[in-house]
Amino acid sequence: MEVGFVGLGKMGMNMVARLRRDQHRVVAFDLDPAKRQELAALGAEGAASLEELVRRLAPPRAAWVMVPAGKPTEETITTLAQSMNADDTIIDGGNTNFHDDIRRAAELKKRAIHYLDAGTSGGVWGLKVGYCLMVGGEEAIFRRCEPLFKTLAPPNGYAYMGQSGAGHFVKMVHNGIEYGLMQAYAEGFECLHRSEFNLDLAAIARLWGQGSVVRSWLLELCADALAKDPKLENILGYVEDSGEGRWTVLEAIARDVSLPVITLSLFARFRSRVDQGATGTFGERLLAAMRNEFGGHATVRR
C-alpha cells in the first residue's frame, strides 16, 4: 500500500527503509531538507511540506507521524488533518501520552478522519530485527493499515490492543518495565564491578545470555557496551528519562497500583542527574550506555 511518513530521525528513516523493502510507496516529509534528499536512495519520495505530502497520496490516505511527543506531534497532526479528507487516517507512532490519543481521536472523528496510536518499540535496531507495534483505535482501520504493520514488525510482532489510547497505554507500561529491568542489570553489574575479583563483565553478560533465567536483549546490549568500554570510562552516569516511566508511575498512583521497582528506577534516574559534573556510579554509567545501545540516545561524554 502507500503511506505518507512524517519524521526521518533515528527511527523514522529506518522505518521508511523497511517499508520500501516490501515495495510500499512512501511519500515522506522532514523539516530537514537533507533528510528528504536521502529518500531517493531508498526509492521513497520526498515532499516539501505536509500539505504536499497529503496531495500526493491517493484517498483513503494514511499518514504515519514519527516525531517527538508533545508540541511537535500535536502541530503535525493538526496540520495534516487540515489537508485531509473524510476516511483518511493518521497514525501516531511516537511516544505520545495515551490521554492525548483519546482526545485527538475524538476531535478527528468529528471530521470523519481516523486515528491509530501505534506504540513502537525497537529503537535503532528496528531496521534489522523489526519493530514491536502495539496499536489502538478502530479495529477496522487497524485491519486496513495492517500491511504496514506486518512489514515493520518481526513475525508475530504487532497486535491490536483495543480502543483509542490502548496502544500507547501498553507502550507506556512496556517502557516502565524497561526502566525496572535496566535498573536491575545496572545494580547487579555495579556489585560485580566493586568486587575483589578481577571479573570480565562483558564475558559474564555474554555467559548469562546462554540459557540463564536473566537472559534478554538488554543483557546482550550490556555485553556490547562493556566490550567496547569495559570500565565505562568514556561516559558520565547522566541518565535521561523520556517520559513514559513518569506516566506509568502517575497512572499507577491514580489506580492504587503498587509499582515499587519501576518507581524507584525512575527516582534513580533523577538522582543520576543531580551532579552533572560527577562521573556517576558504574551502574549509572551502564544505564546511560544501555540507552545509547538500544535507542541511540545521546550520552554525556567525559
C-alpha atoms as a PDB file:
ATOM      1  CA  MET A   1       0.000   0.000   0.000  1.00  0.00           C
ATOM      2  CA  GLU A   2       1.066   3.639   0.067  1.00  0.00           C
ATOM      3  CA  VAL A   3       1.711   5.790   3.111  1.00  0.00           C
ATOM      4  CA  GLY A   4       2.814   9.285   3.985  1.00  0.00           C
ATOM      5  CA  PHE A   5       5.601   9.371   6.544  1.00  0.00           C
ATOM      6  CA  VAL A   6       6.487  12.367   8.726  1.00  0.00           C
ATOM      7  CA  GLY A   7       9.766  12.407  10.658  1.00  0.00           C
ATOM      8  CA  LEU A   8      13.054  10.981   9.389  1.00  0.00           C
ATOM      9  CA  GLY A   9      15.024  10.786  12.608  1.00  0.00           C
ATOM     10  CA  LYS A  10      16.866   7.845  14.163  1.00  0.00           C
ATOM     11  CA  MET A  11      13.853   5.539  13.866  1.00  0.00           C
ATOM     12  CA  GLY A  12      11.866   7.194  11.085  1.00  0.00           C
ATOM     13  CA  MET A  13      14.392   6.813   8.280  1.00  0.00           C
ATOM     14  CA  ASN A  14      14.901   3.153   9.148  1.00  0.00           C
ATOM     15  CA  MET A  15      11.143   2.593   9.169  1.00  0.00           C
ATOM     16  CA  VAL A  16      10.891   4.102   5.690  1.00  0.00           C
ATOM     17  CA  ALA A  17      13.701   1.793   4.531  1.00  0.00           C
ATOM     18  CA  ARG A  18      11.877  -1.228   5.917  1.00  0.00           C
ATOM     19  CA  LEU A  19       8.608  -0.168   4.259  1.00  0.00           C
ATOM     20  CA  ARG A  20      10.378   0.164   0.932  1.00  0.00           C
ATOM     21  CA  ARG A  21      11.779  -3.360   1.261  1.00  0.00           C
ATOM     22  CA  ASP A  22       8.223  -4.619   0.770  1.00  0.00           C
ATOM     23  CA  GLN A  23       7.607  -2.108  -2.019  1.00  0.00           C
ATOM     24  CA  HIS A  24       5.159   0.111  -0.169  1.00  0.00           C
ATOM     25  CA  ARG A  25       5.000   3.540  -1.816  1.00  0.00           C
ATOM     26  CA  VAL A  26       6.280   6.108   0.683  1.00  0.00           C
ATOM     27  CA  VAL A  27       5.955   9.884   0.424  1.00  0.00           C
ATOM     28  CA  ALA A  28       7.877  11.411   3.311  1.00  0.00           C
ATOM     29  CA  PHE A  29       8.461  14.790   4.925  1.00  0.00           C
ATOM     30  CA  ASP A  30      11.032  16.084   7.379  1.00  0.00           C
ATOM     31  CA  LEU A  31      11.884  19.639   8.378  1.00  0.00           C
ATOM     32  CA  ASP A  32      15.489  18.948   7.367  1.00  0.00           C
ATOM     33  CA  PRO A  33      15.879  19.175   3.544  1.00  0.00           C
ATOM     34  CA  ALA A  34      18.989  16.977   3.725  1.00  0.00           C
ATOM     35  CA  LYS A  35      16.912  14.165   5.211  1.00  0.00           C
ATOM     36  CA  ARG A  36      14.398  14.473   2.394  1.00  0.00           C
ATOM     37  CA  GLN A  37      17.208  14.176  -0.142  1.00  0.00           C
ATOM     38  CA  GLU A  38      18.282  10.841   1.383  1.00  0.00           C
ATOM     39  CA  LEU A  39      14.936   9.311   0.444  1.00  0.00           C
ATOM     40  CA  ALA A  40      15.830   8.841  -3.215  1.00  0.00           C
ATOM     41  CA  ALA A  41      18.391   6.174  -2.331  1.00  0.00           C
ATOM     42  CA  LEU A  42      15.588   4.209  -0.640  1.00  0.00           C
ATOM     43  CA  GLY A  43      13.183   4.582  -3.525  1.00  0.00           C
ATOM     44  CA  ALA A  44      10.918   6.813  -1.457  1.00  0.00           C
ATOM     45  CA  GLU A  45       9.606  10.237  -2.466  1.00  0.00           C
ATOM     46  CA  GLY A  46      10.204  13.477  -0.617  1.00  0.00           C
ATOM     47  CA  ALA A  47       7.573  16.152  -0.052  1.00  0.00           C
ATOM     48  CA  ALA A  48       8.438  19.787   0.633  1.00  0.00           C
ATOM     49  CA  SER A  49       5.536  20.256   3.063  1.00  0.00           C
ATOM     50  CA  LEU A  50       2.858  18.351   4.910  1.00  0.00           C
ATOM     51  CA  GLU A  51       0.265  19.755   2.524  1.00  0.00           C
ATOM     52  CA  GLU A  52       2.204  18.415  -0.456  1.00  0.00           C
ATOM     53  CA  LEU A  53       2.560  15.038   1.241  1.00  0.00           C
ATOM     54  CA  VAL A  54      -1.223  14.774   1.560  1.00  0.00           C
ATOM     55  CA  ARG A  55      -1.824  15.908  -2.038  1.00  0.00           C
ATOM     56  CA  ARG A  56       0.469  13.217  -3.399  1.00  0.00           C
ATOM     57  CA  LEU A  57      -1.362  10.363  -1.681  1.00  0.00           C
ATOM     58  CA  ALA A  58      -4.439   8.674  -3.117  1.00  0.00           C
ATOM     59  CA  PRO A  59      -7.535   8.526  -0.869  1.00  0.00           C
ATOM     60  CA  PRO A  60      -8.228   6.985   1.508  1.00  0.00           C
ATOM     61  CA  ARG A  61      -4.855   8.224   2.729  1.00  0.00           C
ATOM     62  CA  ALA A  62      -2.705   7.012   5.611  1.00  0.00           C
ATOM     63  CA  ALA A  63      -0.012   9.208   7.183  1.00  0.00           C
ATOM     64  CA  TRP A  64       2.393   7.903   9.826  1.00  0.00           C
ATOM     65  CA  VAL A  65       3.749  10.510  12.264  1.00  0.00           C
ATOM     66  CA  MET A  66       7.125   9.761  13.860  1.00  0.00           C
ATOM     67  CA  VAL A  67       8.185  13.000  15.557  1.00  0.00           C
ATOM     68  CA  PRO A  68       8.879  13.899  19.221  1.00  0.00           C
ATOM     69  CA  ALA A  69       5.888  13.675  21.552  1.00  0.00           C
ATOM     70  CA  GLY A  70       4.152  16.818  22.724  1.00  0.00           C
ATOM     71  CA  LYS A  71       4.002  20.036  20.707  1.00  0.00           C
ATOM     72  CA  PRO A  72       5.774  18.683  17.556  1.00  0.00           C
ATOM     73  CA  THR A  73       3.318  15.787  17.279  1.00  0.00           C
ATOM     74  CA  GLU A  74       0.329  17.990  18.107  1.00  0.00           C
ATOM     75  CA  GLU A  75       1.223  20.555  15.451  1.00  0.00           C
ATOM     76  CA  THR A  76       1.957  17.882  12.848  1.00  0.00           C
ATOM     77  CA  ILE A  77      -1.364  16.108  13.354  1.00  0.00           C
ATOM     78  CA  THR A  78      -3.288  19.397  13.292  1.00  0.00           C
ATOM     79  CA  THR A  79      -1.653  20.420  10.012  1.00  0.00           C
ATOM     80  CA  LEU A  80      -2.196  17.015   8.406  1.00  0.00           C
ATOM     81  CA  ALA A  81      -5.853  16.979   9.417  1.00  0.00           C
ATOM     82  CA  GLN A  82      -6.445  20.384   7.830  1.00  0.00           C
ATOM     83  CA  SER A  83      -5.434  18.943   4.452  1.00  0.00           C
ATOM     84  CA  MET A  84      -7.040  15.522   4.795  1.00  0.00           C
ATOM     85  CA  ASN A  85     -10.496  14.330   3.826  1.00  0.00           C
ATOM     86  CA  ALA A  86     -13.081  12.064   5.386  1.00  0.00           C
ATOM     87  CA  ASP A  87     -11.956   8.414   5.710  1.00  0.00           C
ATOM     88  CA  ASP A  88      -8.239   9.320   5.751  1.00  0.00           C
ATOM     89  CA  THR A  89      -6.103   8.003   8.630  1.00  0.00           C
ATOM     90  CA  ILE A  90      -3.395   9.462  10.861  1.00  0.00           C
ATOM     91  CA  ILE A  91      -1.110   7.014  12.686  1.00  0.00           C
ATOM     92  CA  ASP A  92       0.960   8.303  15.611  1.00  0.00           C
ATOM     93  CA  GLY A  93       3.970   6.044  16.162  1.00  0.00           C
ATOM     94  CA  GLY A  94       5.750   8.273  18.687  1.00  0.00           C
ATOM     95  CA  ASN A  95       5.750   8.102  22.476  1.00  0.00           C
ATOM     96  CA  THR A  96       2.523  10.015  22.998  1.00  0.00           C
ATOM     97  CA  ASN A  97       0.634  10.119  26.293  1.00  0.00           C
ATOM     98  CA  PHE A  98      -2.452   7.954  25.832  1.00  0.00           C
ATOM     99  CA  HIS A  99      -4.709  10.709  27.215  1.00  0.00           C
ATOM    100  CA  ASP A 100      -3.729  12.796  24.173  1.00  0.00           C
ATOM    101  CA  ASP A 101      -4.656   9.888  21.900  1.00  0.00           C
ATOM    102  CA  ILE A 102      -8.158   9.700  23.342  1.00  0.00           C
ATOM    103  CA  ARG A 103      -8.654  13.452  22.881  1.00  0.00           C
ATOM    104  CA  ARG A 104      -7.226  13.506  19.348  1.00  0.00           C
ATOM    105  CA  ALA A 105      -9.274  10.525  18.197  1.00  0.00           C
ATOM    106  CA  ALA A 106     -12.462  12.247  19.377  1.00  0.00           C
ATOM    107  CA  GLU A 107     -11.514  15.533  17.694  1.00  0.00           C
ATOM    108  CA  LEU A 108     -10.611  13.865  14.405  1.00  0.00           C
ATOM    109  CA  LYS A 109     -13.766  11.762  14.444  1.00  0.00           C
ATOM    110  CA  LYS A 110     -15.793  14.983  14.111  1.00  0.00           C
ATOM    111  CA  ARG A 111     -14.126  15.396  10.717  1.00  0.00           C
ATOM    112  CA  ALA A 112     -14.529  11.677   9.880  1.00  0.00           C
ATOM    113  CA  ILE A 113     -10.743  11.243   9.980  1.00  0.00           C
ATOM    114  CA  HIS A 114      -9.478   8.040  11.596  1.00  0.00           C
ATOM    115  CA  TYR A 115      -6.686   7.888  14.182  1.00  0.00           C
ATOM    116  CA  LEU A 116      -4.476   4.995  15.282  1.00  0.00           C
ATOM    117  CA  ASP A 117      -1.987   5.132  18.161  1.00  0.00           C
ATOM    118  CA  ALA A 118       0.879   2.783  17.444  1.00  0.00           C
ATOM    119  CA  GLY A 119       3.234   2.210  20.354  1.00  0.00           C
ATOM    120  CA  THR A 120       6.561   1.418  18.691  1.00  0.00           C
ATOM    121  CA  SER A 121       9.492  -0.391  20.302  1.00  0.00           C
ATOM    122  CA  GLY A 122      12.715  -1.372  18.613  1.00  0.00           C
ATOM    123  CA  GLY A 123      14.963   1.657  18.669  1.00  0.00           C
ATOM    124  CA  VAL A 124      17.798   1.917  16.187  1.00  0.00           C
ATOM    125  CA  TRP A 125      17.789  -1.868  15.713  1.00  0.00           C
ATOM    126  CA  GLY A 126      14.328  -1.922  14.157  1.00  0.00           C
ATOM    127  CA  LEU A 127      15.561  -1.828  10.569  1.00  0.00           C
ATOM    128  CA  LYS A 128      17.327  -5.144  11.069  1.00  0.00           C
ATOM    129  CA  VAL A 129      15.075  -7.018  13.505  1.00  0.00           C
ATOM    130  CA  GLY A 130      11.739  -5.195  13.153  1.00  0.00           C
ATOM    131  CA  TYR A 131       9.593  -3.080  15.431  1.00  0.00           C
ATOM    132  CA  CYS A 132       7.193  -4.350  18.085  1.00  0.00           C
ATOM    133  CA  LEU A 133       3.924  -2.497  17.455  1.00  0.00           C
ATOM    134  CA  MET A 134       1.043  -2.054  19.917  1.00  0.00           C
ATOM    135  CA  VAL A 135      -1.890  -0.437  18.107  1.00  0.00           C
ATOM    136  CA  GLY A 136      -5.035   1.237  19.408  1.00  0.00           C
ATOM    137  CA  GLY A 137      -8.018   2.727  17.571  1.00  0.00           C
ATOM    138  CA  GLU A 138     -10.807   1.417  15.354  1.00  0.00           C
ATOM    139  CA  GLU A 139     -10.219  -2.250  14.583  1.00  0.00           C
ATOM    140  CA  ALA A 140     -11.468  -1.895  11.001  1.00  0.00           C
ATOM    141  CA  ILE A 141      -8.869   0.818  10.367  1.00  0.00           C
ATOM    142  CA  PHE A 142      -6.191  -1.300  12.051  1.00  0.00           C
ATOM    143  CA  ARG A 143      -7.041  -4.043   9.546  1.00  0.00           C
ATOM    144  CA  ARG A 144      -6.917  -1.577   6.652  1.00  0.00           C
ATOM    145  CA  CYS A 145      -3.404  -0.486   7.668  1.00  0.00           C
ATOM    146  CA  GLU A 146      -2.244  -3.967   8.641  1.00  0.00           C
ATOM    147  CA  PRO A 147       0.083  -4.368   5.624  1.00  0.00           C
ATOM    148  CA  LEU A 148       2.208  -1.552   7.060  1.00  0.00           C
ATOM    149  CA  PHE A 149       2.367  -3.154  10.494  1.00  0.00           C
ATOM    150  CA  LYS A 150       3.191  -6.539   9.011  1.00  0.00           C
ATOM    151  CA  THR A 151       6.158  -5.067   7.125  1.00  0.00           C
ATOM    152  CA  LEU A 152       7.507  -3.049  10.045  1.00  0.00           C
ATOM    153  CA  ALA A 153       7.221  -5.794  12.659  1.00  0.00           C
ATOM    154  CA  PRO A 154       9.024  -9.132  13.015  1.00  0.00           C
ATOM    155  CA  PRO A 155       6.864 -12.269  12.828  1.00  0.00           C
ATOM    156  CA  ASN A 156       4.095 -12.033  15.456  1.00  0.00           C
ATOM    157  CA  GLY A 157       5.473  -8.622  16.409  1.00  0.00           C
ATOM    158  CA  TYR A 158       2.347  -6.486  16.111  1.00  0.00           C
ATOM    159  CA  ALA A 159      -1.145  -6.675  17.606  1.00  0.00           C
ATOM    160  CA  TYR A 160      -4.376  -4.754  18.041  1.00  0.00           C
ATOM    161  CA  MET A 161      -4.718  -3.546  21.629  1.00  0.00           C
ATOM    162  CA  GLY A 162      -8.217  -2.038  21.621  1.00  0.00           C
ATOM    163  CA  GLN A 163      -9.849   1.372  21.569  1.00  0.00           C
ATOM    164  CA  SER A 164      -8.030   4.664  21.047  1.00  0.00           C
ATOM    165  CA  GLY A 165      -5.250   5.173  23.574  1.00  0.00           C
ATOM    166  CA  ALA A 166      -4.784   1.457  24.282  1.00  0.00           C
ATOM    167  CA  GLY A 167      -1.723   1.167  22.057  1.00  0.00           C
ATOM    168  CA  HIS A 168       0.218   3.931  23.748  1.00  0.00           C
ATOM    169  CA  PHE A 169      -1.009   2.855  27.193  1.00  0.00           C
ATOM    170  CA  VAL A 170       0.519  -0.583  26.638  1.00  0.00           C
ATOM    171  CA  LYS A 171       3.721   1.000  25.278  1.00  0.00           C
ATOM    172  CA  MET A 172       3.870   3.276  28.356  1.00  0.00           C
ATOM    173  CA  VAL A 173       3.778   0.311  30.716  1.00  0.00           C
ATOM    174  CA  HIS A 174       6.276  -1.518  28.481  1.00  0.00           C
ATOM    175  CA  ASN A 175       8.716   1.344  28.989  1.00  0.00           C
ATOM    176  CA  GLY A 176       8.074   1.408  32.717  1.00  0.00           C
ATOM    177  CA  ILE A 177       9.020  -2.268  32.870  1.00  0.00           C
ATOM    178  CA  GLU A 178      12.083  -1.464  30.788  1.00  0.00           C
ATOM    179  CA  TYR A 179      13.176   1.040  33.452  1.00  0.00           C
ATOM    180  CA  GLY A 180      12.988  -1.654  36.119  1.00  0.00           C
ATOM    181  CA  LEU A 181      14.861  -4.245  34.069  1.00  0.00           C
ATOM    182  CA  MET A 182      17.619  -1.798  33.219  1.00  0.00           C
ATOM    183  CA  GLN A 183      17.979  -0.733  36.834  1.00  0.00           C
ATOM    184  CA  ALA A 184      18.294  -4.358  37.997  1.00  0.00           C
ATOM    185  CA  TYR A 185      21.065  -5.028  35.484  1.00  0.00           C
ATOM    186  CA  ALA A 186      22.806  -1.784  36.417  1.00  0.00           C
ATOM    187  CA  GLU A 187      22.764  -2.621  40.127  1.00  0.00           C
ATOM    188  CA  GLY A 188      23.918  -6.191  39.572  1.00  0.00           C
ATOM    189  CA  PHE A 189      26.849  -5.173  37.415  1.00  0.00           C
ATOM    190  CA  GLU A 190      27.704  -2.432  39.898  1.00  0.00           C
ATOM    191  CA  CYS A 191      28.076  -5.156  42.534  1.00  0.00           C
ATOM    192  CA  LEU A 192      30.243  -7.255  40.214  1.00  0.00           C
ATOM    193  CA  HIS A 193      32.349  -4.220  39.350  1.00  0.00           C
ATOM    194  CA  ARG A 194      33.031  -3.445  43.025  1.00  0.00           C
ATOM    195  CA  SER A 195      34.014  -6.995  43.962  1.00  0.00           C
ATOM    196  CA  GLU A 196      37.544  -8.041  44.904  1.00  0.00           C
ATOM    197  CA  PHE A 197      37.651 -10.332  41.866  1.00  0.00           C
ATOM    198  CA  ASN A 198      39.062  -9.267  38.518  1.00  0.00           C
ATOM    199  CA  LEU A 199      35.886 -10.052  36.605  1.00  0.00           C
ATOM    200  CA  ASP A 200      35.354  -9.725  32.872  1.00  0.00           C
ATOM    201  CA  LEU A 201      31.910  -8.118  32.920  1.00  0.00           C
ATOM    202  CA  ALA A 202      31.365  -8.332  29.170  1.00  0.00           C
ATOM    203  CA  ALA A 203      32.105 -12.080  29.302  1.00  0.00           C
ATOM    204  CA  ILE A 204      29.673 -12.509  32.196  1.00  0.00           C
ATOM    205  CA  ALA A 205      26.959 -10.672  30.299  1.00  0.00           C
ATOM    206  CA  ARG A 206      27.589 -12.943  27.290  1.00  0.00           C
ATOM    207  CA  LEU A 207      27.557 -16.010  29.547  1.00  0.00           C
ATOM    208  CA  TRP A 208      24.247 -15.060  31.132  1.00  0.00           C
ATOM    209  CA  GLY A 209      22.758 -14.782  27.664  1.00  0.00           C
ATOM    210  CA  GLN A 210      23.201 -18.536  27.175  1.00  0.00           C
ATOM    211  CA  GLY A 211      20.385 -20.363  28.950  1.00  0.00           C
ATOM    212  CA  SER A 212      20.330 -18.200  32.088  1.00  0.00           C
ATOM    213  CA  VAL A 213      16.981 -17.135  33.526  1.00  0.00           C
ATOM    214  CA  VAL A 214      18.135 -13.490  33.332  1.00  0.00           C
ATOM    215  CA  ARG A 215      18.974 -13.606  29.611  1.00  0.00           C
ATOM    216  CA  SER A 216      17.449 -10.858  27.463  1.00  0.00           C
ATOM    217  CA  TRP A 217      18.165  -8.465  24.618  1.00  0.00           C
ATOM    218  CA  LEU A 218      19.000  -5.764  27.164  1.00  0.00           C
ATOM    219  CA  LEU A 219      21.651  -8.065  28.596  1.00  0.00           C
ATOM    220  CA  GLU A 220      23.105  -8.552  25.105  1.00  0.00           C
ATOM    221  CA  LEU A 221      23.335  -4.782  24.793  1.00  0.00           C
ATOM    222  CA  CYS A 222      25.081  -4.597  28.162  1.00  0.00           C
ATOM    223  CA  ALA A 223      27.634  -7.044  26.837  1.00  0.00           C
ATOM    224  CA  ASP A 224      28.153  -4.930  23.715  1.00  0.00           C
ATOM    225  CA  ALA A 225      28.646  -1.749  25.744  1.00  0.00           C
ATOM    226  CA  LEU A 226      31.042  -3.415  28.173  1.00  0.00           C
ATOM    227  CA  ALA A 227      33.067  -4.983  25.377  1.00  0.00           C
ATOM    228  CA  LYS A 228      33.631  -1.550  23.838  1.00  0.00           C
ATOM    229  CA  ASP A 229      34.431   0.211  27.128  1.00  0.00           C
ATOM    230  CA  PRO A 230      34.942  -2.329  29.979  1.00  0.00           C
ATOM    231  CA  LYS A 231      35.071   0.267  32.748  1.00  0.00           C
ATOM    232  CA  LEU A 232      32.684   2.696  31.042  1.00  0.00           C
ATOM    233  CA  GLU A 233      35.288   5.394  31.492  1.00  0.00           C
ATOM    234  CA  ASN A 234      34.251   7.452  28.479  1.00  0.00           C
ATOM    235  CA  ILE A 235      30.726   8.441  29.544  1.00  0.00           C
ATOM    236  CA  LEU A 236      29.105  10.079  32.536  1.00  0.00           C
ATOM    237  CA  GLY A 237      26.388   8.464  34.605  1.00  0.00           C
ATOM    238  CA  TYR A 238      23.800  11.020  33.489  1.00  0.00           C
ATOM    239  CA  VAL A 239      20.616   9.102  32.711  1.00  0.00           C
ATOM    240  CA  GLU A 240      17.714  10.824  30.995  1.00  0.00           C
ATOM    241  CA  ASP A 241      14.108   9.651  31.019  1.00  0.00           C
ATOM    242  CA  SER A 242      11.840  10.295  28.059  1.00  0.00           C
ATOM    243  CA  GLY A 243       8.526  10.494  29.919  1.00  0.00           C
ATOM    244  CA  GLU A 244       6.885   7.089  29.775  1.00  0.00           C
ATOM    245  CA  GLY A 245       8.312   5.949  33.120  1.00  0.00           C
ATOM    246  CA  ARG A 246       6.866   9.042  34.798  1.00  0.00           C
ATOM    247  CA  TRP A 247       3.495   8.492  33.151  1.00  0.00           C
ATOM    248  CA  THR A 248       3.470   4.852  34.257  1.00  0.00           C
ATOM    249  CA  VAL A 249       4.054   5.852  37.885  1.00  0.00           C
ATOM    250  CA  LEU A 250       1.380   8.570  37.741  1.00  0.00           C
ATOM    251  CA  GLU A 251      -1.165   6.168  36.249  1.00  0.00           C
ATOM    252  CA  ALA A 252      -0.319   3.590  38.903  1.00  0.00           C
ATOM    253  CA  ILE A 253      -0.964   6.176  41.615  1.00  0.00           C
ATOM    254  CA  ALA A 254      -4.306   7.058  40.004  1.00  0.00           C
ATOM    255  CA  ARG A 255      -5.262   3.360  40.048  1.00  0.00           C
ATOM    256  CA  ASP A 256      -3.848   2.487  43.501  1.00  0.00           C
ATOM    257  CA  VAL A 257      -1.335   0.104  41.916  1.00  0.00           C
ATOM    258  CA  SER A 258       1.902  -0.574  43.785  1.00  0.00           C
ATOM    259  CA  LEU A 259       4.943  -0.180  41.486  1.00  0.00           C
ATOM    260  CA  PRO A 260       7.925  -0.019  43.865  1.00  0.00           C
ATOM    261  CA  VAL A 261      10.560  -1.284  41.408  1.00  0.00           C
ATOM    262  CA  ILE A 262       9.519   0.921  38.493  1.00  0.00           C
ATOM    263  CA  THR A 263       9.069   3.955  40.752  1.00  0.00           C
ATOM    264  CA  LEU A 264      12.488   3.583  42.366  1.00  0.00           C
ATOM    265  CA  SER A 265      14.129   3.017  38.980  1.00  0.00           C
ATOM    266  CA  LEU A 266      12.664   6.341  37.851  1.00  0.00           C
ATOM    267  CA  PHE A 267      13.943   8.050  41.002  1.00  0.00           C
ATOM    268  CA  ALA A 268      17.380   6.522  40.398  1.00  0.00           C
ATOM    269  CA  ARG A 269      17.495   8.355  37.075  1.00  0.00           C
ATOM    270  CA  PHE A 270      16.614  11.604  38.811  1.00  0.00           C
ATOM    271  CA  ARG A 271      19.476  11.001  41.230  1.00  0.00           C
ATOM    272  CA  SER A 272      21.933  10.447  38.386  1.00  0.00           C
ATOM    273  CA  ARG A 273      21.349  13.995  37.172  1.00  0.00           C
ATOM    274  CA  VAL A 274      21.900  15.821  40.477  1.00  0.00           C
ATOM    275  CA  ASP A 275      25.618  16.466  39.962  1.00  0.00           C
ATOM    276  CA  GLN A 276      26.262  16.779  36.243  1.00  0.00           C
ATOM    277  CA  GLY A 277      29.990  17.233  36.787  1.00  0.00           C
ATOM    278  CA  ALA A 278      30.450  13.878  38.534  1.00  0.00           C
ATOM    279  CA  THR A 279      31.200  10.676  36.666  1.00  0.00           C
ATOM    280  CA  GLY A 280      28.384   8.864  38.446  1.00  0.00           C
ATOM    281  CA  THR A 281      28.401   5.308  39.701  1.00  0.00           C
ATOM    282  CA  PHE A 282      29.303   2.390  37.464  1.00  0.00           C
ATOM    283  CA  GLY A 283      25.634   1.357  37.459  1.00  0.00           C
ATOM    284  CA  GLU A 284      24.533   4.808  36.342  1.00  0.00           C
ATOM    285  CA  ARG A 285      27.088   4.768  33.558  1.00  0.00           C
ATOM    286  CA  LEU A 286      25.824   1.354  32.468  1.00  0.00           C
ATOM    287  CA  LEU A 287      22.250   2.690  32.358  1.00  0.00           C
ATOM    288  CA  ALA A 288      23.384   5.526  30.096  1.00  0.00           C
ATOM    289  CA  ALA A 289      25.283   3.048  27.918  1.00  0.00           C
ATOM    290  CA  MET A 290      22.256   0.764  27.575  1.00  0.00           C
ATOM    291  CA  ARG A 291      20.049   3.653  26.462  1.00  0.00           C
ATOM    292  CA  ASN A 292      22.613   4.526  23.838  1.00  0.00           C
ATOM    293  CA  GLU A 293      22.869   0.922  22.633  1.00  0.00           C
ATOM    294  CA  PHE A 294      19.175   0.275  22.077  1.00  0.00           C
ATOM    295  CA  GLY A 295      17.848   3.704  21.195  1.00  0.00           C
ATOM    296  CA  GLY A 296      20.800   5.749  20.076  1.00  0.00           C
ATOM    297  CA  HIS A 297      20.070   8.116  22.953  1.00  0.00           C
ATOM    298  CA  ALA A 298      22.867  10.616  23.452  1.00  0.00           C
ATOM    299  CA  THR A 299      25.255  10.108  26.346  1.00  0.00           C
ATOM    300  CA  VAL A 300      27.205  12.781  28.195  1.00  0.00           C
ATOM    301  CA  ARG A 301      30.850  12.164  27.324  1.00  0.00           C
ATOM    302  CA  ARG A 302      33.806  12.823  29.582  1.00  0.00           C
END
